[in-house]
């Protein structure tokens, strides 16, 4: 026989079962909440990092924003850091500044690199006072072996027009030879050009090429080398290096403009016209192209006029032929025919 369950025991177990059911429901709700907040944040963080590697900065920005959104209390210093780097890469400096400031508010450890990135954003919008505050703070927080804050000080001086002080900062950042800090090396060469030390700049750029340093901006290097050779009067050297730069960036406005001017100066008008056309095609959106347009129209008209004049003006051979055709007619008339 099966044991008979008393009615009192059944009544006692019903509230327990209800309580257990409520507890399970609450636990499930918490699990669902964790799944909706923590895991999506991590997923968007990973997706954003993948897109950064693929240079899809706009797509990465969206993922990092979603990562912040799904974080508890929007606390996600790493997502804010990467978001700032994405906006900085796309030159959206106002949003980059906002993201870096949020990162610095949330981070608990020294962040000299983030402060340098923030300072560089301030530099690009011309707010040098705020940039200096961040550079000074970065230097205070950085390890003595970290040369990036010193390099950033050189950047700041260079943008402020203090070329000599910028050169000194870049040299300090380079440290002892052999120099391998690419950004500081490039900065030193730029300052040498601004100080009209073209031989020193050429020497620096040649050393960068010979050492096969990493992360070199080859367009900047070859364009500036071309400028150095042009200033020294070596037009062919300048032309060669501007063409080297165009191999890395075929749509570089500065290189096409420089080539147009030098060909124009040497009276190679057909080559100058081609480069003026390419420069106009590649011109930045806010660039005033009136001067380039006027010069292009003038050269096109001049070249067309020269070609027309060449067609109208007879050559010595043509004059001989005309004379040969006229001579028999005169002889025949003289002879009475």
Protein backbone atom coordinates (compact mmCIF):
# COMPACT_ATOMS: atom_id res chain seq x y z
CA UNK A 1 0.00 0.00 0.00
CA UNK A 2 1.13 3.53 -0.79
CA UNK A 3 1.58 5.80 2.17
CA UNK A 4 -1.26 8.25 2.55
CA UNK A 5 -0.16 11.90 2.63
CA UNK A 6 -1.90 13.95 5.23
CA UNK A 7 -3.79 17.12 4.25
CA UNK A 8 -1.82 19.24 6.72
CA UNK A 9 1.50 18.27 5.11
CA UNK A 10 0.15 19.13 1.67
CA UNK A 11 -0.95 22.57 2.86
CA UNK A 12 2.48 23.14 4.39
CA UNK A 13 4.38 22.25 1.22
CA UNK A 14 2.38 24.52 -1.09
CA UNK A 15 3.87 27.79 0.29
CA UNK A 16 7.32 26.22 0.13
CA UNK A 17 6.83 25.28 -3.49
CA UNK A 18 5.60 28.77 -4.31
CA UNK A 19 8.58 30.33 -2.51
CA UNK A 20 10.98 28.02 -4.32
CA UNK A 21 9.39 28.91 -7.64
CA UNK A 22 9.73 32.63 -6.91
CA UNK A 23 13.38 32.15 -5.91
CA UNK A 24 14.14 30.28 -9.14
CA UNK A 25 12.43 33.00 -11.18
CA UNK A 26 14.45 35.76 -9.46
CA UNK A 27 17.69 33.83 -9.96
CA UNK A 28 16.86 33.33 -13.64
CA UNK A 29 16.11 37.02 -13.96
CA UNK A 30 19.51 37.91 -12.49
CA UNK A 31 21.18 35.48 -14.88
CA UNK A 32 19.39 37.06 -17.80
CA UNK A 33 20.41 40.52 -16.58
CA UNK A 34 24.08 39.49 -16.31
CA UNK A 35 23.88 38.02 -19.77
CA UNK A 36 22.40 41.26 -21.11
CA UNK A 37 25.00 43.54 -19.51
CA UNK A 38 28.37 41.86 -19.14
CA UNK A 39 28.63 39.49 -22.07
CA UNK A 40 27.48 41.93 -24.81
CA UNK A 41 30.01 44.45 -23.50
CA UNK A 42 32.82 41.95 -23.93
CA UNK A 43 31.55 40.89 -27.36
CA UNK A 44 31.47 44.49 -28.64
CA UNK A 45 34.93 45.12 -27.18
CA UNK A 46 36.38 42.15 -29.10
CA UNK A 47 34.59 43.17 -32.31
CA UNK A 48 35.89 46.72 -31.97
CA UNK A 49 39.47 45.54 -31.58
CA UNK A 50 39.12 43.40 -34.71
CA UNK A 51 37.86 46.38 -36.68
CA UNK A 52 40.73 48.56 -35.46
CA UNK A 53 43.17 46.02 -36.90
CA UNK A 54 41.28 46.26 -40.20
CA UNK A 55 41.44 50.10 -40.00
CA UNK A 56 37.64 50.29 -39.84
CA UNK A 57 37.67 53.07 -37.26
CA UNK A 58 34.05 54.13 -37.69
CA UNK A 59 32.79 50.58 -37.24
CA UNK A 60 35.09 50.11 -34.25
CA UNK A 61 33.77 53.34 -32.69
CA UNK A 62 30.21 51.98 -32.81
CA UNK A 63 31.30 48.75 -31.10
CA UNK A 64 33.15 50.58 -28.32
CA UNK A 65 30.12 52.79 -27.71
CA UNK A 66 27.99 49.65 -27.41
CA UNK A 67 30.56 48.15 -25.07
CA UNK A 68 30.22 51.21 -22.81
CA UNK A 69 26.43 51.10 -23.05
CA UNK A 70 26.22 47.49 -21.86
CA UNK A 71 28.73 48.01 -19.03
CA UNK A 72 27.51 48.43 -15.47
CA UNK A 73 27.09 52.15 -14.76
CA UNK A 74 28.86 52.79 -18.07
CA UNK A 75 32.14 52.02 -16.34
CA UNK A 76 34.52 50.86 -19.07
CA UNK A 77 37.82 52.80 -19.17
CA UNK A 78 39.32 50.57 -21.86
CA UNK A 79 36.38 51.08 -24.22
CA UNK A 80 36.66 54.85 -23.74
CA UNK A 81 40.40 54.69 -24.49
CA UNK A 82 39.91 52.78 -27.75
CA UNK A 83 36.99 55.01 -28.67
CA UNK A 84 39.26 58.05 -28.28
CA UNK A 85 41.93 56.46 -30.44
CA UNK A 86 39.36 55.74 -33.19
CA UNK A 87 38.09 59.32 -33.20
CA UNK A 88 41.66 60.60 -33.19
CA UNK A 89 42.49 58.43 -36.21
CA UNK A 90 39.54 59.92 -38.12
CA UNK A 91 40.48 63.46 -36.95
CA UNK A 92 37.26 63.90 -35.02
CA UNK A 93 39.17 65.62 -32.25
CA UNK A 94 36.23 66.94 -30.22
CA UNK A 95 34.80 63.45 -29.73
CA UNK A 96 38.29 62.04 -29.15
CA UNK A 97 38.88 64.57 -26.37
CA UNK A 98 35.57 63.64 -24.72
CA UNK A 99 36.43 59.92 -24.85
CA UNK A 100 39.95 60.39 -23.45
CA UNK A 101 38.62 62.56 -20.60
CA UNK A 102 36.10 59.83 -19.71
CA UNK A 103 38.90 57.28 -19.75
CA UNK A 104 41.05 59.39 -17.43
CA UNK A 105 38.11 59.87 -15.03
CA UNK A 106 37.58 56.12 -14.73
CA UNK A 107 41.11 54.73 -14.85
CA UNK A 108 42.75 54.12 -11.47
CA UNK A 109 46.38 53.84 -12.61
CA UNK A 110 48.72 56.40 -14.24
CA UNK A 111 47.91 56.80 -17.94
CA UNK A 112 50.73 58.80 -19.59
CA UNK A 113 49.99 57.48 -23.09
CA UNK A 114 46.34 58.48 -22.89
CA UNK A 115 47.39 61.93 -21.71
CA UNK A 116 49.75 62.27 -24.68
CA UNK A 117 46.95 61.25 -27.07
CA UNK A 118 44.68 63.80 -25.42
CA UNK A 119 47.41 66.46 -25.65
CA UNK A 120 47.89 65.77 -29.36
CA UNK A 121 44.15 66.28 -29.90
CA UNK A 122 44.35 69.63 -28.11
CA UNK A 123 47.36 70.55 -30.27
CA UNK A 124 45.41 69.83 -33.46
CA UNK A 125 42.61 72.20 -32.47
CA UNK A 126 45.10 74.86 -31.36
CA UNK A 127 44.43 74.68 -27.61
CA UNK A 128 48.10 74.71 -26.60
CA UNK A 129 47.52 75.58 -22.94
CA UNK A 130 45.44 72.45 -22.29
CA UNK A 131 47.89 70.43 -24.36
CA UNK A 132 50.78 71.55 -22.17
CA UNK A 133 48.89 70.59 -18.99
CA UNK A 134 48.42 67.06 -20.30
CA UNK A 135 52.02 66.76 -21.54
CA UNK A 136 53.38 67.89 -18.16
CA UNK A 137 51.12 65.41 -16.38
CA UNK A 138 52.19 62.64 -18.75
CA UNK A 139 55.86 63.38 -18.03
CA UNK A 140 55.15 63.25 -14.30
CA UNK A 141 53.34 59.90 -14.56
CA UNK A 142 55.66 58.20 -17.07
CA UNK A 143 58.59 55.98 -16.30
CA UNK A 144 61.99 57.59 -16.93
CA UNK A 145 62.56 55.22 -19.86
CA UNK A 146 59.35 56.37 -21.59
CA UNK A 147 60.35 58.97 -24.17
CA UNK A 148 56.92 59.58 -25.67
CA UNK A 149 55.97 62.46 -23.33
CA UNK A 150 59.27 64.17 -24.20
CA UNK A 151 58.51 63.67 -27.89
CA UNK A 152 55.04 65.17 -27.28
CA UNK A 153 56.71 68.23 -25.77
CA UNK A 154 58.67 68.56 -29.01
CA UNK A 155 55.42 68.30 -30.98
CA UNK A 156 53.90 71.07 -28.87
CA UNK A 157 56.88 73.39 -29.31
CA UNK A 158 56.91 72.71 -33.06
CA UNK A 159 53.22 73.59 -33.44
CA UNK A 160 53.76 76.72 -31.36
CA UNK A 161 56.55 77.82 -33.73
CA UNK A 162 59.32 77.30 -31.18
CA UNK A 163 61.48 75.33 -33.60
CA UNK A 164 64.73 75.45 -31.62
CA UNK A 165 63.07 74.18 -28.45
CA UNK A 166 61.26 71.51 -30.46
CA UNK A 167 64.57 70.35 -31.91
CA UNK A 168 66.06 70.09 -28.41
CA UNK A 169 63.10 68.01 -27.19
CA UNK A 170 63.33 65.64 -30.15
CA UNK A 171 67.04 65.15 -29.55
CA UNK A 172 66.41 64.34 -25.87
CA UNK A 173 63.71 61.86 -26.91
CA UNK A 174 66.13 60.20 -29.34
CA UNK A 175 68.63 59.56 -26.54
CA UNK A 176 71.93 57.88 -27.31
CA UNK A 177 72.84 56.66 -30.78
CA UNK A 178 71.94 54.59 -32.70
CA UNK A 179 68.69 56.52 -32.93
CA UNK A 180 65.70 54.26 -33.43
CA UNK A 181 62.77 56.38 -32.22
CA UNK A 182 61.20 57.00 -35.65
CA UNK A 183 58.77 59.79 -34.71
CA UNK A 184 61.44 61.77 -32.88
CA UNK A 185 63.91 61.24 -35.75
CA UNK A 186 61.34 62.53 -38.25
CA UNK A 187 60.60 65.46 -35.97
CA UNK A 188 64.28 66.35 -35.75
CA UNK A 189 64.58 66.33 -39.56
CA UNK A 190 61.51 68.57 -39.92
CA UNK A 191 63.03 71.09 -37.53
CA UNK A 192 66.32 71.05 -39.43
CA UNK A 193 64.39 71.99 -42.59
CA UNK A 194 62.59 74.84 -40.82
CA UNK A 195 65.98 76.10 -39.62
CA UNK A 196 67.30 75.88 -43.22
CA UNK A 197 69.76 73.15 -42.24
CA UNK A 198 69.01 71.18 -45.40
CA UNK A 199 72.17 69.08 -45.33
CA UNK A 200 71.42 67.92 -41.78
CA UNK A 201 67.85 67.07 -42.76
CA UNK A 202 69.01 65.04 -45.75
CA UNK A 203 71.48 63.21 -43.52
CA UNK A 204 68.70 62.38 -41.03
CA UNK A 205 66.31 61.12 -43.68
CA UNK A 206 69.02 59.02 -45.32
CA UNK A 207 69.83 57.46 -41.94
CA UNK A 208 66.15 56.60 -41.41
CA UNK A 209 66.05 54.91 -44.82
CA UNK A 210 69.33 53.04 -44.32
CA UNK A 211 68.30 51.75 -40.86
CA UNK A 212 64.95 50.49 -42.19
CA UNK A 213 63.15 51.94 -39.17
CA UNK A 214 59.55 50.92 -38.52
CA UNK A 215 56.41 53.05 -38.76
CA UNK A 216 57.95 55.58 -41.13
CA UNK A 217 55.64 58.03 -42.89
CA UNK A 218 57.22 57.52 -46.29
CA UNK A 219 55.15 60.20 -48.02
CA UNK A 220 56.32 62.82 -45.54
CA UNK A 221 59.92 61.60 -45.74
CA UNK A 222 60.21 61.65 -49.54
CA UNK A 223 58.25 64.90 -49.91
CA UNK A 224 60.49 66.65 -47.40
CA UNK A 225 63.60 65.20 -49.02
CA UNK A 226 62.38 66.62 -52.32
CA UNK A 227 62.00 70.01 -50.67
CA UNK A 228 65.56 69.83 -49.36
CA UNK A 229 66.97 69.03 -52.81
CA UNK A 230 64.89 71.80 -54.39
CA UNK A 231 66.19 74.34 -51.88
CA UNK A 232 69.73 73.28 -52.74
CA UNK A 233 69.02 73.81 -56.46
CA UNK A 234 68.92 70.10 -57.37
CA UNK A 235 65.69 70.02 -59.37
CA UNK A 236 66.12 66.48 -60.64
CA UNK A 237 66.70 65.21 -57.10
CA UNK A 238 63.53 66.98 -55.99
CA UNK A 239 61.49 65.55 -58.87
CA UNK A 240 62.75 62.02 -58.19
CA UNK A 241 61.83 62.12 -54.49
CA UNK A 242 58.38 63.61 -55.11
CA UNK A 243 57.76 60.75 -57.51
CA UNK A 244 58.90 58.30 -54.79
CA UNK A 245 56.32 59.85 -52.47
CA UNK A 246 53.59 59.46 -55.10
CA UNK A 247 54.33 55.74 -55.30
CA UNK A 248 53.18 55.50 -51.68
CA UNK A 249 50.26 57.92 -52.15
CA UNK A 250 49.31 58.58 -55.81
CA UNK A 251 46.74 61.20 -54.76
CA UNK A 252 49.01 63.36 -52.64
CA UNK A 253 48.13 67.00 -53.26
CA UNK A 254 51.42 68.47 -51.99
CA UNK A 255 53.54 66.32 -54.29
CA UNK A 256 51.45 67.05 -57.38
CA UNK A 257 51.52 70.78 -56.59
CA UNK A 258 55.29 70.77 -56.09
CA UNK A 259 55.84 68.92 -59.37
CA UNK A 260 53.52 71.32 -61.20
CA UNK A 261 55.44 74.35 -59.94
CA UNK A 262 58.86 72.94 -60.77
CA UNK A 263 57.82 71.87 -64.29
CA UNK A 264 56.21 75.27 -64.78
CA UNK A 265 59.42 76.95 -63.63
CA UNK A 266 61.45 74.90 -66.10
CA UNK A 267 58.94 75.66 -68.90
CA UNK A 268 57.95 72.00 -69.34
CA UNK A 269 54.40 73.12 -69.86
CA UNK A 270 52.76 69.86 -70.90
CA UNK A 271 54.12 68.12 -67.78
CA UNK A 272 53.13 71.10 -65.64
CA UNK A 273 49.56 71.00 -67.01
CA UNK A 274 49.23 67.31 -66.12
CA UNK A 275 50.44 67.92 -62.55
CA UNK A 276 48.19 70.97 -62.11
CA UNK A 277 45.23 68.84 -63.20
CA UNK A 278 46.21 66.09 -60.74
CA UNK A 279 46.69 68.64 -57.95
CA UNK A 280 43.21 70.08 -58.55
CA UNK A 281 41.75 66.58 -58.52
CA UNK A 282 43.41 65.80 -55.18
CA UNK A 283 42.97 69.20 -53.52
CA UNK A 284 41.58 69.21 -49.95
CA UNK A 285 37.94 70.27 -49.64
CA UNK A 286 38.63 73.65 -48.04
CA UNK A 287 41.67 74.51 -50.17
CA UNK A 288 41.43 77.66 -52.33
CA UNK A 289 42.26 76.41 -55.84
CA UNK A 290 41.80 79.75 -57.67
CA UNK A 291 45.53 80.29 -58.20
CA UNK A 292 46.03 76.76 -59.52
CA UNK A 293 43.03 77.08 -61.84
CA UNK A 294 44.20 80.38 -63.27
CA UNK A 295 47.70 79.06 -63.92
CA UNK A 296 46.33 75.89 -65.51
CA UNK A 297 44.06 77.86 -67.86
CA UNK A 298 46.92 80.19 -68.80
CA UNK A 299 49.27 77.28 -69.62
CA UNK A 300 46.60 75.44 -71.60
CA UNK A 301 45.97 78.56 -73.68
CA UNK A 302 49.70 79.17 -74.10
CA UNK A 303 50.35 75.61 -75.19
CA UNK A 304 47.46 75.71 -77.63
CA UNK A 305 48.67 79.04 -79.03
CA UNK A 306 52.21 77.71 -79.48
CA UNK A 307 50.91 74.67 -81.34
CA UNK A 308 48.77 76.86 -83.62
CA UNK A 309 51.73 79.13 -84.32
CA UNK A 310 53.89 76.13 -85.18
CA UNK A 311 51.26 74.94 -87.65
CA UNK A 312 50.93 78.36 -89.33
CA UNK A 313 54.64 79.21 -89.50
CA UNK A 314 56.22 77.37 -92.50
CA UNK A 315 59.39 75.41 -92.02
CA UNK A 316 62.49 76.02 -94.21
CA UNK A 317 61.60 72.95 -96.28
CA UNK A 318 58.06 74.21 -96.82
CA UNK A 319 59.42 77.58 -97.99
CA UNK A 320 61.71 75.81 -100.47
CA UNK A 321 58.77 73.84 -101.82
CA UNK A 322 56.67 76.95 -102.20
CA UNK A 323 59.52 78.72 -104.01
CA UNK A 324 60.03 75.74 -106.33
CA UNK A 325 56.34 75.80 -107.24
CA UNK A 326 56.37 79.51 -107.98
CA UNK A 327 59.51 79.54 -110.17
CA UNK A 328 58.14 77.61 -113.24
CA UNK A 329 55.05 79.84 -113.31
CA UNK A 330 57.18 82.96 -113.47
CA UNK A 331 59.39 81.45 -116.21
CA UNK A 332 56.41 80.46 -118.27
CA UNK A 333 54.93 83.95 -118.13
CA UNK A 334 58.28 85.48 -119.01
CA UNK A 335 58.55 83.15 -122.01
CA UNK A 336 55.20 84.31 -123.39
CA UNK A 337 53.19 81.10 -122.86
